Amino acid sequence: MAIEILFFGSLTDATTVGRLIVEDVTDTDQLKTYLMERYPALCSARYFVAVNQRMIQQTESLQPGDIVALMPPFSGG
């Protein structure tokens, strides 16, 4: 079950990558745990999560081929 993870802004500095393929995660909570273990700098980072271009605020089930984006807070102006 391959999920594509995209990192934006300062999160690319924290992870040193802009894109990552992850296997064997079933939901966004499991994904966050995996990412924080692999990239400890994410533990203190603030970010939003989007699944397939839809912002989420709760745990979301993941399916093969889903794209998850992690984005730092942003503002318009």
PDB file of N, CA and C in Angstrom:
ATOM      1  N   MET A   1       0.847  -1.178   0.000  1.00  0.00           N
ATOM      2  CA  MET A   1       0.000   0.000   0.000  1.00  0.00           C
ATOM      3  C   MET A   1       0.888   1.235   0.000  1.00  0.00           C
ATOM      4  N   ALA A   2       1.176   1.778  -1.158  1.00  0.00           N
ATOM      5  CA  ALA A   2       2.066   2.923  -1.277  1.00  0.00           C
ATOM      6  C   ALA A   2       1.280   4.228  -1.194  1.00  0.00           C
ATOM      7  N   ILE A   3       1.742   5.105  -0.307  1.00  0.00           N
ATOM      8  CA  ILE A   3       1.174   6.436  -0.115  1.00  0.00           C
ATOM      9  C   ILE A   3       2.278   7.440  -0.427  1.00  0.00           C
ATOM     10  N   GLU A   4       1.965   8.457  -1.193  1.00  0.00           N
ATOM     11  CA  GLU A   4       2.935   9.499  -1.499  1.00  0.00           C
ATOM     12  C   GLU A   4       2.774  10.634  -0.489  1.00  0.00           C
ATOM     13  N   ILE A   5       3.890  11.052   0.102  1.00  0.00           N
ATOM     14  CA  ILE A   5       3.897  12.145   1.068  1.00  0.00           C
ATOM     15  C   ILE A   5       4.647  13.324   0.448  1.00  0.00           C
ATOM     16  N   LEU A   6       4.037  14.496   0.480  1.00  0.00           N
ATOM     17  CA  LEU A   6       4.665  15.719  -0.014  1.00  0.00           C
ATOM     18  C   LEU A   6       4.891  16.660   1.156  1.00  0.00           C
ATOM     19  N   PHE A   7       6.091  17.230   1.234  1.00  0.00           N
ATOM     20  CA  PHE A   7       6.436  18.184   2.282  1.00  0.00           C
ATOM     21  C   PHE A   7       6.618  19.555   1.648  1.00  0.00           C
ATOM     22  N   PHE A   8       6.122  20.591   2.314  1.00  0.00           N
ATOM     23  CA  PHE A   8       6.218  21.941   1.792  1.00  0.00           C
ATOM     24  C   PHE A   8       6.877  22.878   2.799  1.00  0.00           C
ATOM     25  N   GLY A   9       7.431  23.968   2.277  1.00  0.00           N
ATOM     26  CA  GLY A   9       7.998  25.027   3.113  1.00  0.00           C
ATOM     27  C   GLY A   9       9.076  24.527   4.052  1.00  0.00           C
ATOM     28  N   SER A  10       8.991  24.983   5.306  1.00  0.00           N
ATOM     29  CA  SER A  10      10.007  24.645   6.304  1.00  0.00           C
ATOM     30  C   SER A  10      10.043  23.153   6.627  1.00  0.00           C
ATOM     31  N   LEU A  11       9.010  22.426   6.276  1.00  0.00           N
ATOM     32  CA  LEU A  11       9.009  20.983   6.540  1.00  0.00           C
ATOM     33  C   LEU A  11      10.007  20.251   5.657  1.00  0.00           C
ATOM     34  N   THR A  12      10.329  20.827   4.504  1.00  0.00           N
ATOM     35  CA  THR A  12      11.378  20.210   3.686  1.00  0.00           C
ATOM     36  C   THR A  12      12.737  20.353   4.363  1.00  0.00           C
ATOM     37  N   ASP A  13      12.930  21.428   5.121  1.00  0.00           N
ATOM     38  CA  ASP A  13      14.167  21.579   5.900  1.00  0.00           C
ATOM     39  C   ASP A  13      14.212  20.561   7.031  1.00  0.00           C
ATOM     40  N   ALA A  14      13.088  20.335   7.680  1.00  0.00           N
ATOM     41  CA  ALA A  14      13.022  19.402   8.808  1.00  0.00           C
ATOM     42  C   ALA A  14      13.237  17.963   8.370  1.00  0.00           C
ATOM     43  N   THR A  15      12.790  17.642   7.153  1.00  0.00           N
ATOM     44  CA  THR A  15      12.891  16.259   6.686  1.00  0.00           C
ATOM     45  C   THR A  15      14.015  16.044   5.683  1.00  0.00           C
ATOM     46  N   THR A  16      14.519  17.103   5.099  1.00  0.00           N
ATOM     47  CA  THR A  16      15.535  17.106   4.034  1.00  0.00           C
ATOM     48  C   THR A  16      15.040  16.462   2.747  1.00  0.00           C
ATOM     49  N   VAL A  17      13.733  16.257   2.625  1.00  0.00           N
ATOM     50  CA  VAL A  17      13.149  15.725   1.387  1.00  0.00           C
ATOM     51  C   VAL A  17      11.878  16.509   1.076  1.00  0.00           C
ATOM     52  N   GLY A  18      11.491  16.495  -0.186  1.00  0.00           N
ATOM     53  CA  GLY A  18      10.253  17.126  -0.582  1.00  0.00           C
ATOM     54  C   GLY A  18       9.154  16.118  -0.861  1.00  0.00           C
ATOM     55  N   ARG A  19       9.591  14.861  -1.064  1.00  0.00           N
ATOM     56  CA  ARG A  19       8.642  13.812  -1.434  1.00  0.00           C
ATOM     57  C   ARG A  19       9.121  12.495  -0.852  1.00  0.00           C
ATOM     58  N   LEU A  20       8.176  11.656  -0.453  1.00  0.00           N
ATOM     59  CA  LEU A  20       8.513  10.376   0.158  1.00  0.00           C
ATOM     60  C   LEU A  20       7.394   9.387  -0.174  1.00  0.00           C
ATOM     61  N   ILE A  21       7.760   8.150  -0.438  1.00  0.00           N
ATOM     62  CA  ILE A  21       6.785   7.076  -0.633  1.00  0.00           C
ATOM     63  C   ILE A  21       6.819   6.203   0.612  1.00  0.00           C
ATOM     64  N   VAL A  22       5.648   5.960   1.197  1.00  0.00           N
ATOM     65  CA  VAL A  22       5.548   5.180   2.430  1.00  0.00           C
ATOM     66  C   VAL A  22       4.653   3.970   2.172  1.00  0.00           C
ATOM     67  N   GLU A  23       5.050   2.843   2.706  1.00  0.00           N
ATOM     68  CA  GLU A  23       4.279   1.601   2.585  1.00  0.00           C
ATOM     69  C   GLU A  23       3.670   1.239   3.937  1.00  0.00           C
ATOM     70  N   ASP A  24       2.598   0.494   3.897  1.00  0.00           N
ATOM     71  CA  ASP A  24       2.026  -0.134   5.095  1.00  0.00           C
ATOM     72  C   ASP A  24       1.559   0.831   6.181  1.00  0.00           C
ATOM     73  N   VAL A  25       0.943   1.934   5.797  1.00  0.00           N
ATOM     74  CA  VAL A  25       0.266   2.791   6.772  1.00  0.00           C
ATOM     75  C   VAL A  25      -1.209   2.805   6.404  1.00  0.00           C
ATOM     76  N   THR A  26      -2.067   2.729   7.407  1.00  0.00           N
ATOM     77  CA  THR A  26      -3.493   2.605   7.133  1.00  0.00           C
ATOM     78  C   THR A  26      -4.292   3.876   7.393  1.00  0.00           C
ATOM     79  N   ASP A  27      -3.697   4.812   8.189  1.00  0.00           N
ATOM     80  CA  ASP A  27      -4.413   6.062   8.453  1.00  0.00           C
ATOM     81  C   ASP A  27      -3.420   7.175   8.762  1.00  0.00           C
ATOM     82  N   THR A  28      -3.934   8.389   8.872  1.00  0.00           N
ATOM     83  CA  THR A  28      -3.061   9.543   9.055  1.00  0.00           C
ATOM     84  C   THR A  28      -2.382   9.562  10.430  1.00  0.00           C
ATOM     85  N   ASP A  29      -3.017   9.015  11.450  1.00  0.00           N
ATOM     86  CA  ASP A  29      -2.356   8.951  12.763  1.00  0.00           C
ATOM     87  C   ASP A  29      -1.147   8.035  12.714  1.00  0.00           C
ATOM     88  N   GLN A  30      -1.292   6.892  12.087  1.00  0.00           N
ATOM     89  CA  GLN A  30      -0.167   5.965  11.945  1.00  0.00           C
ATOM     90  C   GLN A  30       0.933   6.601  11.099  1.00  0.00           C
ATOM     91  N   LEU A  31       0.550   7.337  10.082  1.00  0.00           N
ATOM     92  CA  LEU A  31       1.526   8.019   9.240  1.00  0.00           C
ATOM     93  C   LEU A  31       2.296   9.067  10.041  1.00  0.00           C
ATOM     94  N   LYS A  32       1.592   9.874  10.834  1.00  0.00           N
ATOM     95  CA  LYS A  32       2.267  10.894  11.644  1.00  0.00           C
ATOM     96  C   LYS A  32       3.263  10.264  12.610  1.00  0.00           C
ATOM     97  N   THR A  33       2.870   9.172  13.240  1.00  0.00           N
ATOM     98  CA  THR A  33       3.771   8.475  14.164  1.00  0.00           C
ATOM     99  C   THR A  33       5.022   8.003  13.428  1.00  0.00           C
ATOM    100  N   TYR A  34       4.829   7.392  12.275  1.00  0.00           N
ATOM    101  CA  TYR A  34       5.952   6.930  11.461  1.00  0.00           C
ATOM    102  C   TYR A  34       6.881   8.085  11.100  1.00  0.00           C
ATOM    103  N   LEU A  35       6.309   9.190  10.633  1.00  0.00           N
ATOM    104  CA  LEU A  35       7.119  10.331  10.209  1.00  0.00           C
ATOM    105  C   LEU A  35       7.872  10.967  11.374  1.00  0.00           C
ATOM    106  N   MET A  36       7.252  11.060  12.552  1.00  0.00           N
ATOM    107  CA  MET A  36       7.934  11.650  13.711  1.00  0.00           C
ATOM    108  C   MET A  36       9.083  10.761  14.196  1.00  0.00           C
ATOM    109  N   GLU A  37       8.938   9.453  14.051  1.00  0.00           N
ATOM    110  CA  GLU A  37      10.042   8.557  14.408  1.00  0.00           C
ATOM    111  C   GLU A  37      11.192   8.703  13.417  1.00  0.00           C
ATOM    112  N   ARG A  38      10.862   8.842  12.147  1.00  0.00           N
ATOM    113  CA  ARG A  38      11.894   8.957  11.109  1.00  0.00           C
ATOM    114  C   ARG A  38      12.516  10.353  11.062  1.00  0.00           C
ATOM    115  N   TYR A  39      11.707  11.375  11.316  1.00  0.00           N
ATOM    116  CA  TYR A  39      12.161  12.768  11.278  1.00  0.00           C
ATOM    117  C   TYR A  39      11.781  13.446  12.600  1.00  0.00           C
ATOM    118  N   PRO A  40      12.589  13.307  13.640  1.00  0.00           N
ATOM    119  CA  PRO A  40      12.253  13.858  14.962  1.00  0.00           C
ATOM    120  C   PRO A  40      11.960  15.362  14.955  1.00  0.00           C
ATOM    121  N   ALA A  41      12.491  16.102  14.006  1.00  0.00           N
ATOM    122  CA  ALA A  41      12.228  17.547  13.942  1.00  0.00           C
ATOM    123  C   ALA A  41      10.742  17.835  13.710  1.00  0.00           C
ATOM    124  N   LEU A  42       9.996  16.882  13.182  1.00  0.00           N
ATOM    125  CA  LEU A  42       8.562  17.083  12.978  1.00  0.00           C
ATOM    126  C   LEU A  42       7.786  17.115  14.284  1.00  0.00           C
ATOM    127  N   CYS A  43       8.365  16.571  15.349  1.00  0.00           N
ATOM    128  CA  CYS A  43       7.670  16.547  16.645  1.00  0.00           C
ATOM    129  C   CYS A  43       7.347  17.955  17.134  1.00  0.00           C
ATOM    130  N   SER A  44       8.218  18.904  16.856  1.00  0.00           N
ATOM    131  CA  SER A  44       7.994  20.272  17.323  1.00  0.00           C
ATOM    132  C   SER A  44       7.455  21.192  16.221  1.00  0.00           C
ATOM    133  N   ALA A  45       7.279  20.651  15.028  1.00  0.00           N
ATOM    134  CA  ALA A  45       6.796  21.461  13.905  1.00  0.00           C
ATOM    135  C   ALA A  45       5.275  21.549  13.915  1.00  0.00           C
ATOM    136  N   ARG A  46       4.787  22.690  13.479  1.00  0.00           N
ATOM    137  CA  ARG A  46       3.341  22.866  13.301  1.00  0.00           C
ATOM    138  C   ARG A  46       3.056  22.719  11.810  1.00  0.00           C
ATOM    139  N   TYR A  47       2.012  21.964  11.487  1.00  0.00           N
ATOM    140  CA  TYR A  47       1.672  21.789  10.076  1.00  0.00           C
ATOM    141  C   TYR A  47       0.229  21.325   9.919  1.00  0.00           C
ATOM    142  N   PHE A  48      -0.274  21.561   8.713  1.00  0.00           N
ATOM    143  CA  PHE A  48      -1.593  21.089   8.315  1.00  0.00           C
ATOM    144  C   PHE A  48      -1.412  19.833   7.481  1.00  0.00           C
ATOM    145  N   VAL A  49      -2.436  18.994   7.454  1.00  0.00           N
ATOM    146  CA  VAL A  49      -2.395  17.771   6.663  1.00  0.00           C
ATOM    147  C   VAL A  49      -3.543  17.804   5.657  1.00  0.00           C
ATOM    148  N   ALA A  50      -3.227  17.463   4.418  1.00  0.00           N
ATOM    149  CA  ALA A  50      -4.241  17.325   3.378  1.00  0.00           C
ATOM    150  C   ALA A  50      -4.109  15.934   2.760  1.00  0.00           C
ATOM    151  N   VAL A  51      -5.237  15.316   2.507  1.00  0.00           N
ATOM    152  CA  VAL A  51      -5.265  14.023   1.829  1.00  0.00           C
ATOM    153  C   VAL A  51      -5.993  14.222   0.510  1.00  0.00           C
ATOM    154  N   ASN A  52      -5.276  13.941  -0.575  1.00  0.00           N
ATOM    155  CA  ASN A  52      -5.846  14.119  -1.916  1.00  0.00           C
ATOM    156  C   ASN A  52      -6.427  15.520  -2.100  1.00  0.00           C
ATOM    157  N   GLN A  53      -5.656  16.516  -1.698  1.00  0.00           N
ATOM    158  CA  GLN A  53      -5.959  17.939  -1.847  1.00  0.00           C
ATOM    159  C   GLN A  53      -7.144  18.401  -1.000  1.00  0.00           C
ATOM    160  N   ARG A  54      -7.438  17.680   0.065  1.00  0.00           N
ATOM    161  CA  ARG A  54      -8.526  18.063   0.975  1.00  0.00           C
ATOM    162  C   ARG A  54      -7.958  18.152   2.385  1.00  0.00           C
ATOM    163  N   MET A  55      -8.050  19.337   2.971  1.00  0.00           N
ATOM    164  CA  MET A  55      -7.546  19.527   4.335  1.00  0.00           C
ATOM    165  C   MET A  55      -8.340  18.654   5.293  1.00  0.00           C
ATOM    166  N   ILE A  56      -7.638  18.038   6.249  1.00  0.00           N
ATOM    167  CA  ILE A  56      -8.308  17.199   7.238  1.00  0.00           C
ATOM    168  C   ILE A  56      -7.964  17.692   8.639  1.00  0.00           C
ATOM    169  N   GLN A  57      -8.817  17.372   9.588  1.00  0.00           N
ATOM    170  CA  GLN A  57      -8.567  17.739  10.978  1.00  0.00           C
ATOM    171  C   GLN A  57      -8.698  16.543  11.900  1.00  0.00           C
ATOM    172  N   GLN A  58      -9.159  15.420  11.362  1.00  0.00           N
ATOM    173  CA  GLN A  58      -9.312  14.205  12.134  1.00  0.00           C
ATOM    174  C   GLN A  58      -8.528  13.088  11.450  1.00  0.00           C
ATOM    175  N   THR A  59      -8.493  11.947  12.102  1.00  0.00           N
ATOM    176  CA  THR A  59      -7.847  10.790  11.504  1.00  0.00           C
ATOM    177  C   THR A  59      -8.594  10.402  10.232  1.00  0.00           C
ATOM    178  N   GLU A  60      -7.838  10.138   9.201  1.00  0.00           N
ATOM    179  CA  GLU A  60      -8.403   9.775   7.903  1.00  0.00           C
ATOM    180  C   GLU A  60      -7.797   8.450   7.463  1.00  0.00           C
ATOM    181  N   SER A  61      -8.612   7.532   7.009  1.00  0.00           N
ATOM    182  CA  SER A  61      -8.109   6.280   6.452  1.00  0.00           C
ATOM    183  C   SER A  61      -7.370   6.575   5.156  1.00  0.00           C
ATOM    184  N   LEU A  62      -6.330   5.806   4.891  1.00  0.00           N
ATOM    185  CA  LEU A  62      -5.545   5.985   3.680  1.00  0.00           C
ATOM    186  C   LEU A  62      -5.678   4.764   2.786  1.00  0.00           C
ATOM    187  N   GLN A  63      -5.707   5.023   1.490  1.00  0.00           N
ATOM    188  CA  GLN A  63      -5.822   3.973   0.485  1.00  0.00           C
ATOM    189  C   GLN A  63      -4.595   4.014  -0.424  1.00  0.00           C
ATOM    190  N   PRO A  64      -4.250   2.894  -1.054  1.00  0.00           N
ATOM    191  CA  PRO A  64      -3.121   2.903  -2.002  1.00  0.00           C
ATOM    192  C   PRO A  64      -3.320   4.001  -3.044  1.00  0.00           C
ATOM    193  N   GLY A  65      -2.262   4.724  -3.307  1.00  0.00           N
ATOM    194  CA  GLY A  65      -2.306   5.792  -4.293  1.00  0.00           C
ATOM    195  C   GLY A  65      -2.688   7.151  -3.740  1.00  0.00           C
ATOM    196  N   ASP A  66      -3.079   7.227  -2.465  1.00  0.00           N
ATOM    197  CA  ASP A  66      -3.399   8.523  -1.867  1.00  0.00           C
ATOM    198  C   ASP A  66      -2.158   9.412  -1.824  1.00  0.00           C
ATOM    199  N   ILE A  67      -2.396  10.701  -1.880  1.00  0.00           N
ATOM    200  CA  ILE A  67      -1.324  11.687  -1.751  1.00  0.00           C
ATOM    201  C   ILE A  67      -1.617  12.518  -0.511  1.00  0.00           C
ATOM    202  N   VAL A  68      -0.652  12.526   0.401  1.00  0.00           N
ATOM    203  CA  VAL A  68      -0.781  13.272   1.652  1.00  0.00           C
ATOM    204  C   VAL A  68       0.224  14.426   1.601  1.00  0.00           C
ATOM    205  N   ALA A  69      -0.262  15.627   1.843  1.00  0.00           N
ATOM    206  CA  ALA A  69       0.603  16.805   1.857  1.00  0.00           C
ATOM    207  C   ALA A  69       0.692  17.339   3.275  1.00  0.00           C
ATOM    208  N   LEU A  70       1.917  17.641   3.714  1.00  0.00           N
ATOM    209  CA  LEU A  70       2.150  18.286   5.007  1.00  0.00           C
ATOM    210  C   LEU A  70       2.624  19.699   4.716  1.00  0.00           C
ATOM    211  N   MET A  71       1.882  20.683   5.246  1.00  0.00           N
ATOM    212  CA  MET A  71       2.151  22.084   4.944  1.00  0.00           C
ATOM    213  C   MET A  71       2.248  22.900   6.217  1.00  0.00           C
ATOM    214  N   PRO A  72       3.252  23.743   6.333  1.00  0.00           N
ATOM    215  CA  PRO A  72       3.335  24.613   7.512  1.00  0.00           C
ATOM    216  C   PRO A  72       2.234  25.664   7.451  1.00  0.00           C
ATOM    217  N   PRO A  73       1.935  26.302   8.584  1.00  0.00           N
ATOM    218  CA  PRO A  73       0.934  27.369   8.580  1.00  0.00           C
ATOM    219  C   PRO A  73       1.289  28.445   7.557  1.00  0.00           C
ATOM    220  N   PHE A  74       0.295  29.000   6.954  1.00  0.00           N
ATOM    221  CA  PHE A  74       0.510  30.032   5.941  1.00  0.00           C
ATOM    222  C   PHE A  74      -0.553  31.100   6.093  1.00  0.00           C
ATOM    223  N   SER A  75      -0.293  32.250   5.515  1.00  0.00           N
ATOM    224  CA  SER A  75      -1.276  33.334   5.563  1.00  0.00           C
ATOM    225  C   SER A  75      -1.295  34.018   4.206  1.00  0.00           C
ATOM    226  N   GLY A  76      -2.401  34.605   3.897  1.00  0.00           N
ATOM    227  CA  GLY A  76      -2.533  35.320   2.634  1.00  0.00           C
ATOM    228  C   GLY A  76      -2.398  36.812   2.854  1.00  0.00           C
ATOM    229  N   GLY A  77      -2.312  37.513   1.796  1.00  0.00           N
ATOM    230  CA  GLY A  77      -2.212  38.950   1.972  1.00  0.00           C
ATOM    231  C   GLY A  77      -2.106  39.690   0.700  1.00  0.00           C
TER     232      GLY A  77
END
